[in-house]
C-alpha atoms as a PDB file:
ATOM      1  CA  MET A   1     -28.403  17.156  37.383  1.00  0.00           C
ATOM      2  CA  PRO A   2     -26.327  19.935  37.481  1.00  0.00           C
ATOM      3  CA  ASN A   3     -28.202  23.072  37.988  1.00  0.00           C
ATOM      4  CA  SER A   4     -31.049  21.151  39.896  1.00  0.00           C
ATOM      5  CA  PRO A   5     -32.479  23.135  43.205  1.00  0.00           C
ATOM      6  CA  SER A   6     -32.492  20.525  45.571  1.00  0.00           C
ATOM      7  CA  ASP A   7     -35.557  21.062  46.786  1.00  0.00           C
ATOM      8  CA  PRO A   8     -37.908  22.919  44.620  1.00  0.00           C
ATOM      9  CA  ALA A   9     -40.989  24.918  46.543  1.00  0.00           C
ATOM     10  CA  ARG A  10     -43.560  25.183  44.520  1.00  0.00           C
ATOM     11  CA  SER A  11     -47.454  27.190  45.682  1.00  0.00           C
ATOM     12  CA  PRO A  12     -49.975  29.333  43.468  1.00  0.00           C
ATOM     13  CA  SER A  13     -48.934  33.077  42.403  1.00  0.00           C
ATOM     14  CA  GLY A  14     -49.715  35.614  44.405  1.00  0.00           C
ATOM     15  CA  THR A  15     -49.183  33.752  47.703  1.00  0.00           C
ATOM     16  CA  GLY A  16     -46.572  36.629  48.597  1.00  0.00           C
ATOM     17  CA  ALA A  17     -42.868  35.031  49.238  1.00  0.00           C
ATOM     18  CA  LEU A  18     -42.462  31.015  50.641  1.00  0.00           C
ATOM     19  CA  ALA A  19     -41.557  29.813  53.810  1.00  0.00           C
ATOM     20  CA  GLY A  20     -38.169  29.020  53.568  1.00  0.00           C
ATOM     21  CA  ALA A  21     -37.340  30.466  49.941  1.00  0.00           C
ATOM     22  CA  PRO A  22     -34.578  32.566  49.168  1.00  0.00           C
ATOM     23  CA  GLU A  23     -35.026  37.062  49.339  1.00  0.00           C
ATOM     24  CA  ALA A  24     -32.868  39.454  47.583  1.00  0.00           C
ATOM     25  CA  ALA A  25     -32.077  42.934  49.097  1.00  0.00           C
ATOM     26  CA  SER A  26     -33.951  45.473  47.963  1.00  0.00           C
ATOM     27  CA  GLY A  27     -32.130  47.122  45.069  1.00  0.00           C
ATOM     28  CA  GLU A  28     -29.735  44.130  44.442  1.00  0.00           C
ATOM     29  CA  THR A  29     -28.151  43.412  41.079  1.00  0.00           C
ATOM     30  CA  ARG A  30     -28.704  40.210  39.950  1.00  0.00           C
ATOM     31  CA  ARG A  31     -26.395  39.110  36.924  1.00  0.00           C
ATOM     32  CA  VAL A  32     -27.789  37.382  34.057  1.00  0.00           C
ATOM     33  CA  THR A  33     -26.051  35.551  30.757  1.00  0.00           C
ATOM     34  CA  VAL A  34     -27.535  34.747  27.622  1.00  0.00           C
ATOM     35  CA  ARG A  35     -25.761  31.579  26.176  1.00  0.00           C
ATOM     36  CA  ARG A  36     -27.017  32.018  22.003  1.00  0.00           C
ATOM     37  CA  LYS A  37     -27.241  27.811  21.845  1.00  0.00           C
ATOM     38  CA  GLY A  38     -27.848  27.322  25.312  1.00  0.00           C
ATOM     39  CA  PRO A  39     -29.810  27.916  29.320  1.00  0.00           C
ATOM     40  CA  MET A  40     -29.941  30.985  30.764  1.00  0.00           C
ATOM     41  CA  LEU A  41     -27.767  32.006  33.607  1.00  0.00           C
ATOM     42  CA  VAL A  42     -29.193  33.633  36.469  1.00  0.00           C
ATOM     43  CA  GLU A  43     -27.311  34.674  39.382  1.00  0.00           C
ATOM     44  CA  GLY A  44     -29.018  32.998  42.715  1.00  0.00           C
ATOM     45  CA  PRO A  45     -30.779  32.972  44.483  1.00  0.00           C
ATOM     46  CA  VAL A  46     -33.786  32.739  42.408  1.00  0.00           C
ATOM     47  CA  GLU A  47     -37.913  32.557  42.065  1.00  0.00           C
ATOM     48  CA  VAL A  48     -39.072  31.431  38.592  1.00  0.00           C
ATOM     49  CA  GLU A  49     -43.006  32.165  38.130  1.00  0.00           C
ATOM     50  CA  LEU A  50     -43.795  29.790  36.041  1.00  0.00           C
ATOM     51  CA  GLU A  51     -46.814  29.484  33.170  1.00  0.00           C
ATOM     52  CA  ASP A  52     -49.105  28.260  35.497  1.00  0.00           C
ATOM     53  CA  GLY A  53     -48.527  30.390  38.166  1.00  0.00           C
ATOM     54  CA  SER A  54     -47.059  28.661  40.207  1.00  0.00           C
ATOM     55  CA  VAL A  55     -43.456  28.792  41.911  1.00  0.00           C
ATOM     56  CA  VAL A  56     -40.446  27.473  41.718  1.00  0.00           C
ATOM     57  CA  SER A  57     -37.023  28.372  43.649  1.00  0.00           C
ATOM     58  CA  SER A  58     -33.188  27.259  44.242  1.00  0.00           C
ATOM     59  CA  ASP A  59     -30.519  29.541  46.163  1.00  0.00           C
ATOM     60  CA  ARG A  60     -28.157  27.733  44.400  1.00  0.00           C
ATOM     61  CA  PHE A  61     -24.925  30.089  43.479  1.00  0.00           C
ATOM     62  CA  GLN A  62     -26.166  30.307  40.518  1.00  0.00           C
ATOM     63  CA  VAL A  63     -28.318  28.897  37.725  1.00  0.00           C
ATOM     64  CA  ALA A  64     -29.445  27.335  34.259  1.00  0.00           C
ATOM     65  CA  LEU A  65     -32.918  28.474  33.224  1.00  0.00           C
ATOM     66  CA  CYS A  66     -33.431  26.222  30.496  1.00  0.00           C
ATOM     67  CA  THR A  67     -34.850  28.678  27.077  1.00  0.00           C
ATOM     68  CA  CYS A  68     -35.540  25.285  24.568  1.00  0.00           C
ATOM     69  CA  ARG A  69     -38.247  23.667  27.004  1.00  0.00           C
ATOM     70  CA  ARG A  70     -36.763  20.362  26.047  1.00  0.00           C
ATOM     71  CA  SER A  71     -36.000  19.821  29.626  1.00  0.00           C
ATOM     72  CA  ARG A  72     -37.143  17.097  31.487  1.00  0.00           C
ATOM     73  CA  ARG A  73     -36.772  19.482  35.210  1.00  0.00           C
ATOM     74  CA  TYR A  74     -37.537  22.304  33.389  1.00  0.00           C
ATOM     75  CA  PRO A  75     -37.874  25.518  34.141  1.00  0.00           C
ATOM     76  CA  TRP A  76     -34.132  24.467  35.233  1.00  0.00           C
ATOM     77  CA  CYS A  77     -32.034  23.349  32.124  1.00  0.00           C
ATOM     78  CA  ASP A  78     -30.527  19.572  31.777  1.00  0.00           C
ATOM     79  CA  THR A  79     -28.946  20.064  28.643  1.00  0.00           C
ATOM     80  CA  SER A  80     -30.949  18.905  26.544  1.00  0.00           C
ATOM     81  CA  HIS A  81     -30.321  21.427  24.202  1.00  0.00           C
ATOM     82  CA  ARG A  82     -27.098  19.877  23.126  1.00  0.00           C
ATOM     83  CA  ASP A  83     -26.676  18.054  19.731  1.00  0.00           C
ATOM     84  CA  ARG A  84     -27.247  14.866  20.655  1.00  0.00           C
ATOM     85  CA  ALA A  85     -24.711  12.034  17.783  1.00  0.00           C
END
């Protein structure tokens, strides 16, 4: 998958930093690009907290986050949002 992290780490919410998780320098600005009919592109590395409180992380330079919730690799986009012929 083009935007999938190689090994997503999961941990319960509220535990602080994950072991080996990417850390942003304080005050560092991240660029987020919103696409009308596609994923949200986020400059990495990133940590994403899910509804159940678990945290997934990616150390890629850019990740695509699913906004349609069709992805089998949610929260990472797998292009399931594209119209199928």
